[in-house]
N, C-alpha and C. Protein backbone atom coordinates (compact mmCIF):
# COMPACT_ATOMS: atom_id res chain seq x y z
N MET A 1 129.89 127.87 152.08
CA MET A 1 129.08 126.74 152.20
C MET A 1 127.47 127.09 151.47
N ILE A 2 126.88 126.37 151.04
CA ILE A 2 125.40 126.65 150.40
C ILE A 2 124.38 125.31 150.97
N HIS A 3 123.60 125.85 151.61
CA HIS A 3 122.60 124.90 152.20
C HIS A 3 121.46 125.26 151.42
N LEU A 4 120.98 124.32 150.90
CA LEU A 4 119.64 124.58 149.94
C LEU A 4 118.75 123.56 150.45
N VAL A 5 117.74 124.38 150.65
CA VAL A 5 116.42 123.77 152.07
C VAL A 5 115.32 123.77 150.77
N ARG A 6 114.52 122.47 150.92
CA ARG A 6 113.43 122.42 150.31
C ARG A 6 112.29 122.82 151.16
N HIS A 7 111.19 123.43 150.55
CA HIS A 7 110.30 124.03 151.15
C HIS A 7 109.07 123.09 151.73
N GLY A 8 108.53 123.39 152.74
CA GLY A 8 107.49 122.64 153.44
C GLY A 8 106.21 122.18 152.66
N ARG A 9 105.82 121.18 152.92
CA ARG A 9 104.61 120.44 152.13
C ARG A 9 103.65 121.10 151.99
N THR A 10 103.00 120.96 150.76
CA THR A 10 101.72 121.71 150.19
C THR A 10 100.39 120.39 149.91
N ALA A 11 99.55 120.84 150.02
CA ALA A 11 98.40 120.01 149.67
C ALA A 11 98.52 119.49 148.45
N ALA A 12 99.05 119.96 147.36
CA ALA A 12 99.37 119.32 146.16
C ALA A 12 100.71 118.32 146.47
N ASN A 13 101.27 118.71 147.06
CA ASN A 13 102.50 118.08 147.53
C ASN A 13 101.85 116.28 148.19
N ALA A 14 100.70 116.74 149.11
CA ALA A 14 100.49 115.44 149.98
C ALA A 14 99.33 115.03 148.86
N GLY A 15 98.94 115.29 147.83
CA GLY A 15 97.93 114.73 146.91
C GLY A 15 98.99 114.00 145.69
N GLY A 16 100.19 114.04 145.92
CA GLY A 16 101.36 113.40 145.20
C GLY A 16 101.19 113.93 143.76
N ARG A 17 100.59 115.32 143.68
CA ARG A 17 100.86 116.13 142.26
C ARG A 17 101.80 116.58 141.77
N LEU A 18 102.29 116.99 140.54
CA LEU A 18 103.36 118.05 140.30
C LEU A 18 102.89 118.95 140.20
N GLN A 19 103.73 119.73 141.09
CA GLN A 19 102.97 121.12 141.50
C GLN A 19 103.85 122.57 140.73
N GLY A 20 105.41 122.13 140.10
CA GLY A 20 105.90 122.94 139.12
C GLY A 20 105.41 124.26 139.68
N ARG A 21 104.56 125.38 138.72
CA ARG A 21 104.50 126.64 138.90
C ARG A 21 103.41 126.94 139.60
N LEU A 22 102.44 126.12 139.92
CA LEU A 22 101.43 126.28 140.77
C LEU A 22 101.69 127.07 142.12
N ASP A 23 101.16 127.73 142.37
CA ASP A 23 101.64 128.75 143.19
C ASP A 23 100.96 128.60 144.73
N LEU A 24 100.90 127.56 145.63
CA LEU A 24 100.13 127.20 146.71
C LEU A 24 100.70 127.56 147.79
N PRO A 25 100.35 127.57 148.92
CA PRO A 25 101.14 127.88 150.56
C PRO A 25 101.03 126.47 150.88
N ILE A 26 102.17 126.37 152.15
CA ILE A 26 102.38 125.26 152.65
C ILE A 26 101.18 125.03 153.33
N ASP A 27 100.99 123.69 153.85
CA ASP A 27 99.22 123.22 154.42
C ASP A 27 100.26 123.12 155.84
N ASP A 28 99.16 122.55 156.87
CA ASP A 28 99.51 122.21 158.35
C ASP A 28 100.34 121.60 158.51
N VAL A 29 100.84 120.33 157.65
CA VAL A 29 102.38 119.71 157.81
C VAL A 29 103.31 120.49 157.36
N GLY A 30 103.22 121.07 156.39
CA GLY A 30 104.64 121.97 155.89
C GLY A 30 104.82 122.90 156.90
N GLU A 31 103.81 123.57 157.66
CA GLU A 31 104.09 124.55 158.50
C GLU A 31 105.03 124.11 159.77
N THR A 32 104.66 122.69 160.50
CA THR A 32 104.97 122.16 161.05
C THR A 32 106.70 121.95 160.85
N GLN A 33 106.62 121.08 159.76
CA GLN A 33 108.28 120.96 158.88
C GLN A 33 108.72 122.04 159.00
N VAL A 34 108.71 123.42 158.09
CA VAL A 34 108.96 124.53 158.29
C VAL A 34 109.57 124.96 160.03
N ALA A 35 108.70 124.98 161.02
CA ALA A 35 108.99 125.42 162.39
C ALA A 35 110.37 124.39 162.62
N ALA A 36 110.49 123.28 162.20
CA ALA A 36 111.62 122.35 162.75
C ALA A 36 113.07 123.18 162.20
N LEU A 37 112.79 123.88 160.95
CA LEU A 37 113.82 124.32 160.20
C LEU A 37 114.32 125.43 161.15
N SER A 38 113.81 126.12 161.76
CA SER A 38 114.08 127.78 162.58
C SER A 38 115.29 127.54 162.88
N ALA A 39 115.59 126.56 163.71
CA ALA A 39 117.13 126.66 164.30
C ALA A 39 118.26 125.92 163.75
N ALA A 40 117.75 125.60 162.47
CA ALA A 40 118.99 124.61 161.75
C ALA A 40 120.25 125.42 161.35
N PHE A 41 120.41 126.72 161.44
CA PHE A 41 121.75 127.60 161.13
C PHE A 41 121.79 128.59 162.09
N ALA A 42 123.16 128.10 162.70
CA ALA A 42 123.84 129.28 163.57
C ALA A 42 123.94 130.59 163.24
N ARG A 43 124.36 130.30 162.06
CA ARG A 43 124.79 131.71 160.91
C ARG A 43 124.12 131.81 159.90
N ILE A 44 123.49 132.50 159.32
CA ILE A 44 123.22 132.79 157.81
C ILE A 44 124.03 134.39 157.45
N ASP A 45 124.50 134.33 156.25
CA ASP A 45 124.90 135.55 155.96
C ASP A 45 124.19 135.82 154.85
N ARG A 46 123.43 135.48 153.70
CA ARG A 46 122.73 135.83 152.81
C ARG A 46 121.79 134.16 152.66
N LEU A 47 120.31 135.02 152.77
CA LEU A 47 119.29 134.10 152.22
C LEU A 47 118.33 134.18 151.16
N ILE A 48 118.45 133.64 150.05
CA ILE A 48 117.99 133.62 148.82
C ILE A 48 116.76 132.38 148.63
N SER A 49 115.88 132.88 148.14
CA SER A 49 114.47 131.93 147.92
C SER A 49 114.04 132.12 146.54
N SER A 50 113.59 131.02 146.29
CA SER A 50 112.48 131.02 145.11
C SER A 50 111.67 131.80 145.26
N PRO A 51 110.81 132.88 144.28
CA PRO A 51 109.78 133.51 144.61
C PRO A 51 108.73 133.06 144.82
N SER A 52 108.60 131.76 144.88
CA SER A 52 107.16 131.00 144.88
C SER A 52 106.50 130.95 146.49
N LEU A 53 105.24 131.10 146.61
CA LEU A 53 104.62 131.32 147.90
C LEU A 53 105.04 130.37 148.77
N ARG A 54 105.26 128.93 148.53
CA ARG A 54 105.79 128.15 149.31
C ARG A 54 107.07 128.16 150.06
N ALA A 55 108.12 128.60 148.86
CA ALA A 55 109.31 128.76 149.18
C ALA A 55 109.65 130.12 150.31
N ARG A 56 108.74 131.03 149.92
CA ARG A 56 108.93 132.54 150.66
C ARG A 56 108.49 132.25 151.93
N GLN A 57 107.35 130.94 152.17
CA GLN A 57 106.64 131.17 153.58
C GLN A 57 107.70 130.52 154.46
N THR A 58 108.32 129.03 153.69
CA THR A 58 109.72 128.63 154.38
C THR A 58 111.00 129.50 154.73
N ALA A 59 110.81 130.46 154.19
CA ALA A 59 112.42 131.17 154.39
C ALA A 59 111.84 132.45 155.18
N ALA A 60 110.95 132.29 155.50
CA ALA A 60 110.55 133.63 156.75
C ALA A 60 110.86 132.85 158.10
N VAL A 61 111.03 131.79 158.11
CA VAL A 61 111.50 131.18 159.42
C VAL A 61 112.71 131.64 159.90
N PHE A 62 113.38 131.69 159.24
CA PHE A 62 115.01 132.07 159.36
C PHE A 62 115.22 133.77 160.11
N GLY A 63 113.95 134.23 159.63
CA GLY A 63 113.82 135.29 160.06
C GLY A 63 115.02 136.37 159.89
N VAL A 64 115.52 136.62 158.65
CA VAL A 64 116.55 137.07 157.93
C VAL A 64 116.36 137.83 156.37
N ASP A 65 116.58 138.80 156.53
CA ASP A 65 116.04 139.69 154.69
C ASP A 65 116.33 138.45 153.84
N VAL A 66 115.43 138.40 152.56
CA VAL A 66 115.24 137.33 151.61
C VAL A 66 115.62 138.21 150.31
N GLU A 67 116.29 137.22 149.67
CA GLU A 67 116.46 138.25 148.35
C GLU A 67 115.95 137.05 147.45
N LEU A 68 114.99 137.29 146.71
CA LEU A 68 114.38 136.40 145.56
C LEU A 68 114.78 136.51 144.47
N ASP A 69 115.03 134.95 143.64
CA ASP A 69 115.88 134.77 142.54
C ASP A 69 114.97 133.44 141.67
N GLU A 70 114.43 134.09 140.69
CA GLU A 70 113.66 133.26 140.15
C GLU A 70 114.34 132.05 139.46
N ARG A 71 115.69 131.58 139.27
CA ARG A 71 116.41 131.03 138.70
C ARG A 71 116.32 129.74 139.71
N TRP A 72 115.71 130.03 140.86
CA TRP A 72 115.57 128.78 141.82
C TRP A 72 113.96 128.74 141.76
N LEU A 73 113.08 128.75 140.94
CA LEU A 73 111.81 128.45 140.74
C LEU A 73 112.13 126.57 140.33
N GLU A 74 110.80 126.12 140.83
CA GLU A 74 110.32 124.56 140.55
C GLU A 74 110.46 124.61 139.05
N MET A 75 110.85 123.61 138.19
CA MET A 75 110.44 123.39 136.84
C MET A 75 108.96 123.39 136.81
N ASP A 76 109.02 123.97 135.25
CA ASP A 76 107.77 124.24 134.84
C ASP A 76 107.11 123.02 134.11
N PHE A 77 106.22 122.35 134.48
CA PHE A 77 105.73 121.14 134.46
C PHE A 77 105.07 121.40 133.44
N GLY A 78 104.28 122.52 132.93
CA GLY A 78 103.55 123.17 131.44
C GLY A 78 102.50 122.28 131.77
N GLU A 79 101.81 122.14 130.90
CA GLU A 79 100.52 121.20 131.05
C GLU A 79 100.20 120.08 132.17
N PHE A 80 101.30 119.68 132.52
CA PHE A 80 101.45 118.71 133.33
C PHE A 80 101.18 119.13 135.18
N ASP A 81 101.32 120.25 135.24
CA ASP A 81 101.25 121.14 136.34
C ASP A 81 99.58 120.84 137.15
N GLY A 82 100.13 119.80 138.15
CA GLY A 82 98.53 119.82 138.68
C GLY A 82 98.40 118.49 138.46
N ALA A 83 99.04 117.47 137.82
CA ALA A 83 99.05 116.04 137.14
C ALA A 83 99.58 115.23 138.35
N GLN A 84 99.02 114.07 138.67
CA GLN A 84 100.08 113.07 139.06
C GLN A 84 100.80 112.20 138.15
N MET A 85 101.88 111.83 138.75
CA MET A 85 102.69 111.25 137.96
C MET A 85 101.98 109.91 137.37
N SER A 86 101.39 109.32 137.77
CA SER A 86 100.77 107.96 137.55
C SER A 86 99.78 108.30 136.29
N GLU A 87 99.14 109.63 136.20
CA GLU A 87 98.23 110.12 135.28
C GLU A 87 98.75 110.19 133.70
N LEU A 88 100.12 110.45 133.91
CA LEU A 88 100.80 110.64 132.35
C LEU A 88 101.32 109.75 131.66
N PRO A 89 100.55 109.99 130.31
CA PRO A 89 101.06 108.70 129.59
C PRO A 89 102.44 108.21 129.60
N ARG A 90 102.62 106.75 129.44
CA ARG A 90 103.83 105.89 129.86
C ARG A 90 104.86 106.57 128.56
N GLU A 91 104.60 106.81 127.38
CA GLU A 91 105.59 107.43 126.59
C GLU A 91 106.04 108.62 126.98
N VAL A 92 105.32 109.37 127.50
CA VAL A 92 105.73 110.75 127.99
C VAL A 92 106.28 110.54 128.75
N LEU A 93 106.69 109.78 129.65
CA LEU A 93 107.10 109.63 131.21
C LEU A 93 108.61 109.21 130.72
N ARG A 94 108.31 107.89 129.92
CA ARG A 94 109.84 107.26 129.12
C ARG A 94 110.70 108.53 128.96
N ARG A 95 109.73 109.52 127.55
CA ARG A 95 110.65 110.39 127.42
C ARG A 95 111.10 111.43 128.25
N TRP A 96 110.47 111.90 129.18
CA TRP A 96 110.66 112.57 130.60
C TRP A 96 112.18 112.16 130.94
N MET A 97 112.40 110.78 131.18
CA MET A 97 112.84 110.28 132.30
C MET A 97 114.29 110.14 131.11
N THR A 98 114.57 109.83 129.91
CA THR A 98 115.43 109.88 129.29
C THR A 98 116.24 110.72 128.07
N SER A 99 115.13 111.93 128.23
CA SER A 99 116.01 113.12 127.61
C SER A 99 116.24 114.63 128.19
N PRO A 100 117.01 115.01 128.45
CA PRO A 100 116.92 116.23 129.66
C PRO A 100 116.61 117.13 128.61
N ASP A 101 116.16 117.41 127.27
CA ASP A 101 115.99 118.40 126.57
C ASP A 101 114.13 117.98 125.98
N PHE A 102 113.68 116.86 126.60
CA PHE A 102 112.25 117.06 126.77
C PHE A 102 111.46 117.79 127.23
N THR A 103 110.68 118.59 126.58
CA THR A 103 109.67 120.06 126.83
C THR A 103 108.18 119.39 127.01
N PRO A 104 107.70 119.30 127.87
CA PRO A 104 106.26 119.28 128.08
C PRO A 104 105.39 120.38 127.51
N GLU A 105 104.43 120.33 127.17
CA GLU A 105 103.52 121.36 126.35
C GLU A 105 103.62 122.59 127.21
N GLY A 106 104.04 123.73 127.04
CA GLY A 106 104.16 124.61 127.75
C GLY A 106 104.97 124.91 129.18
N GLY A 107 105.68 123.78 128.58
CA GLY A 107 106.40 123.75 130.19
C GLY A 107 108.40 123.99 129.74
N GLU A 108 108.84 123.39 130.76
CA GLU A 108 110.61 123.48 130.28
C GLU A 108 110.95 122.31 130.41
N SER A 109 112.41 122.22 129.91
CA SER A 109 112.97 120.95 129.78
C SER A 109 114.09 120.97 130.86
N LEU A 110 114.37 119.76 131.23
CA LEU A 110 115.53 119.65 132.41
C LEU A 110 117.00 120.52 131.88
N SER A 111 117.27 120.22 130.86
CA SER A 111 118.15 121.05 130.48
C SER A 111 118.03 122.44 130.67
N ALA A 112 116.75 123.23 130.27
CA ALA A 112 117.05 124.51 130.42
C ALA A 112 116.54 124.93 132.06
N LEU A 113 116.14 124.08 132.83
CA LEU A 113 116.28 124.20 134.25
C LEU A 113 117.74 124.33 134.71
N ALA A 114 118.37 123.21 134.41
CA ALA A 114 119.54 123.09 134.66
C ALA A 114 120.39 124.13 134.49
N ALA A 115 120.18 124.66 133.17
CA ALA A 115 120.87 126.03 133.03
C ALA A 115 120.99 127.21 134.06
N ARG A 116 119.77 127.41 134.19
CA ARG A 116 119.42 128.51 135.06
C ARG A 116 119.63 128.38 136.40
N VAL A 117 119.67 126.78 137.05
CA VAL A 117 120.16 126.40 138.37
C VAL A 117 121.64 126.39 138.69
N ASN A 118 122.15 126.04 137.06
CA ASN A 118 123.91 125.99 137.40
C ASN A 118 124.39 127.26 137.11
N SER A 119 123.66 128.16 136.41
CA SER A 119 124.21 129.89 136.53
C SER A 119 124.34 130.51 137.90
N ALA A 120 123.06 130.10 138.33
CA ALA A 120 122.94 130.51 140.10
C ALA A 120 124.17 129.91 140.83
N CYS A 121 124.54 128.46 140.66
CA CYS A 121 125.37 128.02 141.66
C CYS A 121 126.84 128.30 141.31
N ASP A 122 126.89 128.62 140.17
CA ASP A 122 128.37 129.28 139.75
C ASP A 122 128.68 130.79 140.29
N GLU A 123 127.28 131.63 140.44
CA GLU A 123 127.24 132.66 140.93
C GLU A 123 127.67 132.89 142.52
N LEU A 124 127.58 131.78 143.15
CA LEU A 124 127.31 131.45 144.28
C LEU A 124 128.66 131.23 144.74
N ALA A 125 129.60 130.23 144.01
CA ALA A 125 130.46 129.73 144.32
C ALA A 125 131.59 130.29 145.24
N VAL A 126 132.03 131.45 144.88
CA VAL A 126 133.00 132.37 145.03
C VAL A 126 132.73 132.44 146.87
N ALA A 127 131.61 133.50 147.24
CA ALA A 127 130.79 133.42 148.35
C ALA A 127 131.18 132.40 149.10
N ALA A 128 130.64 131.18 148.60
CA ALA A 128 129.94 130.52 149.56
C ALA A 128 131.37 129.88 150.30
N ARG A 129 132.66 130.20 149.74
CA ARG A 129 133.69 129.53 150.35
C ARG A 129 133.77 130.33 151.62
N ASP A 130 133.69 131.49 152.16
CA ASP A 130 133.93 132.01 153.45
C ASP A 130 132.25 132.85 153.83
N GLN A 131 131.06 132.40 153.20
CA GLN A 131 129.93 132.73 153.89
C GLN A 131 128.90 131.40 154.10
N VAL A 132 128.03 131.58 154.94
CA VAL A 132 126.82 130.72 154.90
C VAL A 132 125.56 131.32 153.96
N ILE A 133 125.45 130.70 153.01
CA ILE A 133 124.01 130.98 152.14
C ILE A 133 123.32 129.98 152.40
N VAL A 134 121.89 130.27 152.15
CA VAL A 134 120.92 129.24 152.60
C VAL A 134 120.05 129.90 151.50
N VAL A 135 119.60 128.41 150.56
CA VAL A 135 118.96 128.85 149.61
C VAL A 135 117.65 128.03 149.53
N VAL A 136 116.22 128.59 149.69
CA VAL A 136 115.19 127.98 150.00
C VAL A 136 114.42 127.71 148.44
N THR A 137 114.09 126.16 148.35
CA THR A 137 113.49 125.88 146.88
C THR A 137 113.13 124.83 146.65
N HIS A 138 113.05 124.09 145.59
CA HIS A 138 111.94 123.20 145.36
C HIS A 138 112.67 121.76 145.19
N ALA A 139 112.70 120.66 144.76
CA ALA A 139 113.27 119.63 144.85
C ALA A 139 113.90 119.43 143.68
N THR A 140 113.35 119.58 142.41
CA THR A 140 114.31 119.35 141.22
C THR A 140 115.67 120.35 141.15
N PRO A 141 115.20 121.72 141.43
CA PRO A 141 116.40 122.86 141.81
C PRO A 141 117.79 122.11 142.30
N ILE A 142 117.13 121.55 143.72
CA ILE A 142 117.87 120.76 144.29
C ILE A 142 118.75 120.01 143.88
N LYS A 143 118.10 118.95 143.23
CA LYS A 143 118.87 118.11 142.61
C LYS A 143 119.37 118.15 141.59
N VAL A 144 119.26 119.18 140.91
CA VAL A 144 120.37 119.74 139.54
C VAL A 144 121.47 120.43 140.48
N ALA A 145 121.43 121.28 141.40
CA ALA A 145 122.35 121.78 142.02
C ALA A 145 123.26 120.79 142.96
N MET A 146 122.99 119.39 143.21
CA MET A 146 123.50 118.36 143.30
C MET A 146 124.32 117.66 142.55
N ALA A 147 123.93 117.82 141.32
CA ALA A 147 124.57 117.31 140.01
C ALA A 147 125.40 118.62 139.83
N TRP A 148 125.37 119.56 140.09
CA TRP A 148 126.09 120.63 139.65
C TRP A 148 127.70 120.17 140.43
N ALA A 149 127.47 120.12 141.53
CA ALA A 149 128.22 120.14 143.12
C ALA A 149 129.33 118.57 142.97
N LEU A 150 128.40 117.64 141.98
CA LEU A 150 129.49 116.33 141.66
C LEU A 150 129.90 115.97 140.24
N GLY A 151 129.51 117.56 139.76
CA GLY A 151 130.13 117.20 137.88
C GLY A 151 129.44 116.14 137.05
N VAL A 152 128.33 116.36 137.20
CA VAL A 152 127.61 114.92 136.56
C VAL A 152 126.75 115.49 135.52
N GLY A 153 125.79 114.87 134.98
CA GLY A 153 124.80 115.57 134.17
C GLY A 153 123.17 115.44 135.18
N ALA A 154 122.70 116.40 134.95
CA ALA A 154 121.17 116.60 135.31
C ALA A 154 120.79 115.68 135.49
N ASP A 155 120.26 114.67 134.44
CA ASP A 155 119.77 113.69 134.38
C ASP A 155 119.64 112.78 135.57
N ILE A 156 120.90 112.99 136.49
CA ILE A 156 120.70 112.32 137.77
C ILE A 156 119.38 112.52 138.60
N VAL A 157 118.81 113.63 138.54
CA VAL A 157 117.64 113.91 139.18
C VAL A 157 116.92 113.12 139.64
N TRP A 158 116.55 112.28 138.40
CA TRP A 158 115.43 111.30 138.44
C TRP A 158 115.74 109.87 139.22
N ARG A 159 117.15 109.94 139.85
CA ARG A 159 117.73 108.99 140.50
C ARG A 159 117.94 109.28 141.57
N SER A 160 117.37 110.43 142.66
CA SER A 160 117.36 110.55 143.59
C SER A 160 116.03 111.52 144.21
N GLN A 161 115.77 111.74 145.52
CA GLN A 161 114.50 112.17 146.10
C GLN A 161 114.93 113.09 147.13
N VAL A 162 114.06 114.33 147.19
CA VAL A 162 114.51 115.26 147.98
C VAL A 162 113.33 115.42 148.87
N ASP A 163 113.23 115.41 150.14
CA ASP A 163 111.68 115.10 150.74
C ASP A 163 111.32 116.75 151.44
N HIS A 164 110.60 116.86 152.12
CA HIS A 164 110.07 118.86 152.39
C HIS A 164 111.24 118.57 153.65
N ALA A 165 111.35 120.20 153.64
CA ALA A 165 112.00 120.88 154.81
C ALA A 165 113.07 119.87 155.16
N ARG A 166 114.07 119.47 154.27
CA ARG A 166 115.19 118.74 153.75
C ARG A 166 116.24 119.68 153.59
N ILE A 167 117.86 119.46 154.26
CA ILE A 167 118.65 120.33 153.90
C ILE A 167 119.62 119.48 152.85
N THR A 168 120.15 120.14 152.00
CA THR A 168 121.29 119.59 151.04
C THR A 168 122.38 120.62 151.21
N THR A 169 123.92 120.16 151.29
CA THR A 169 124.70 121.27 151.75
C THR A 169 125.61 121.04 150.46
N LEU A 170 126.31 121.99 149.81
CA LEU A 170 127.42 121.97 149.27
C LEU A 170 128.47 123.05 149.47
N THR A 171 129.67 122.19 149.62
CA THR A 171 130.93 123.28 150.20
C THR A 171 131.89 123.58 148.64
N VAL A 172 132.36 124.47 148.60
CA VAL A 172 133.48 125.10 147.87
C VAL A 172 134.46 125.12 148.23
N GLY A 173 135.70 124.61 147.64
CA GLY A 173 136.97 124.94 148.04
C GLY A 173 137.70 124.76 146.92
N ASP A 174 139.18 124.60 147.07
CA ASP A 174 140.13 124.97 146.17
C ASP A 174 140.07 123.83 144.78
N ARG A 175 139.68 123.00 144.78
CA ARG A 175 139.01 121.91 143.94
C ARG A 175 137.61 122.04 143.55
N GLY A 176 136.90 123.19 143.98
CA GLY A 176 135.58 122.94 143.12
C GLY A 176 134.67 122.68 144.26
N PRO A 177 133.15 122.49 144.00
CA PRO A 177 132.29 122.33 144.43
C PRO A 177 131.99 120.60 144.87
N ALA A 178 131.59 120.54 146.05
CA ALA A 178 131.23 119.45 146.62
C ALA A 178 130.26 119.07 147.13
N LEU A 179 129.54 117.81 147.04
CA LEU A 179 128.18 117.42 148.09
C LEU A 179 128.74 117.19 149.25
N ALA A 180 128.41 117.30 150.50
CA ALA A 180 128.68 117.49 151.90
C ALA A 180 127.64 117.31 152.63
N GLY A 181 126.36 117.11 152.27
CA GLY A 181 124.81 116.39 152.95
C GLY A 181 124.14 116.45 151.93
N PHE A 182 123.30 115.31 151.86
CA PHE A 182 121.53 115.02 151.04
C PHE A 182 120.83 114.78 151.78
N ASN A 183 119.98 115.75 151.67
CA ASN A 183 118.35 115.29 152.02
C ASN A 183 118.84 114.99 153.54
N VAL A 184 119.09 115.63 154.33
CA VAL A 184 119.26 115.73 155.46
C VAL A 184 118.27 116.42 156.72
N ALA A 185 117.33 115.47 157.56
CA ALA A 185 116.39 116.32 158.37
C ALA A 185 117.02 117.29 159.49
N PRO A 186 116.42 118.41 159.29
CA PRO A 186 117.13 119.70 160.58
C PRO A 186 116.89 118.87 162.19
N SER A 187 118.35 119.18 162.53
CA SER A 187 118.35 118.67 163.71
C SER A 187 117.66 119.52 164.93
N ARG A 188 117.12 118.55 166.23
CA ARG A 188 116.16 119.48 166.91
C ARG A 188 116.90 119.98 167.87
């Protein structure tokens, strides 16, 4: 089983800003969200995290040795890191939402992100049959991993939402991966 956990909230998230590769810490609300995750899993065989500060801070709550994997970094929004979606030109938004190959200046396309996340998912698939794997990452990689499990194109990411400190669960069986839970709050 693969549990994908989105990091706790940051000040940029609170301000509705694209965070991408900005390496900001979680804020006070994020700390509270992350604390609620601490008992979310009875067992963790392997803990993997994006190397970003906000993901590492979230992963630390589990008290398990963490492997860092750059494939789980958030999408690189390039020149739009730090911007609010409402500040983007309409034409840019239209292209971004309709073309998985659209690449913002200095950034990364959805297709490129999907290639790296799908590679990470493929690598974890065999172990996930009998291990509990927790990956602490970001909204867009979680949505891409969901698309991988469903066997659909990555462009589905624009039609889904992942909240802070929420869990998405993928199972892997004889028929391949499946989505078992999406955007679930940790139970208390």
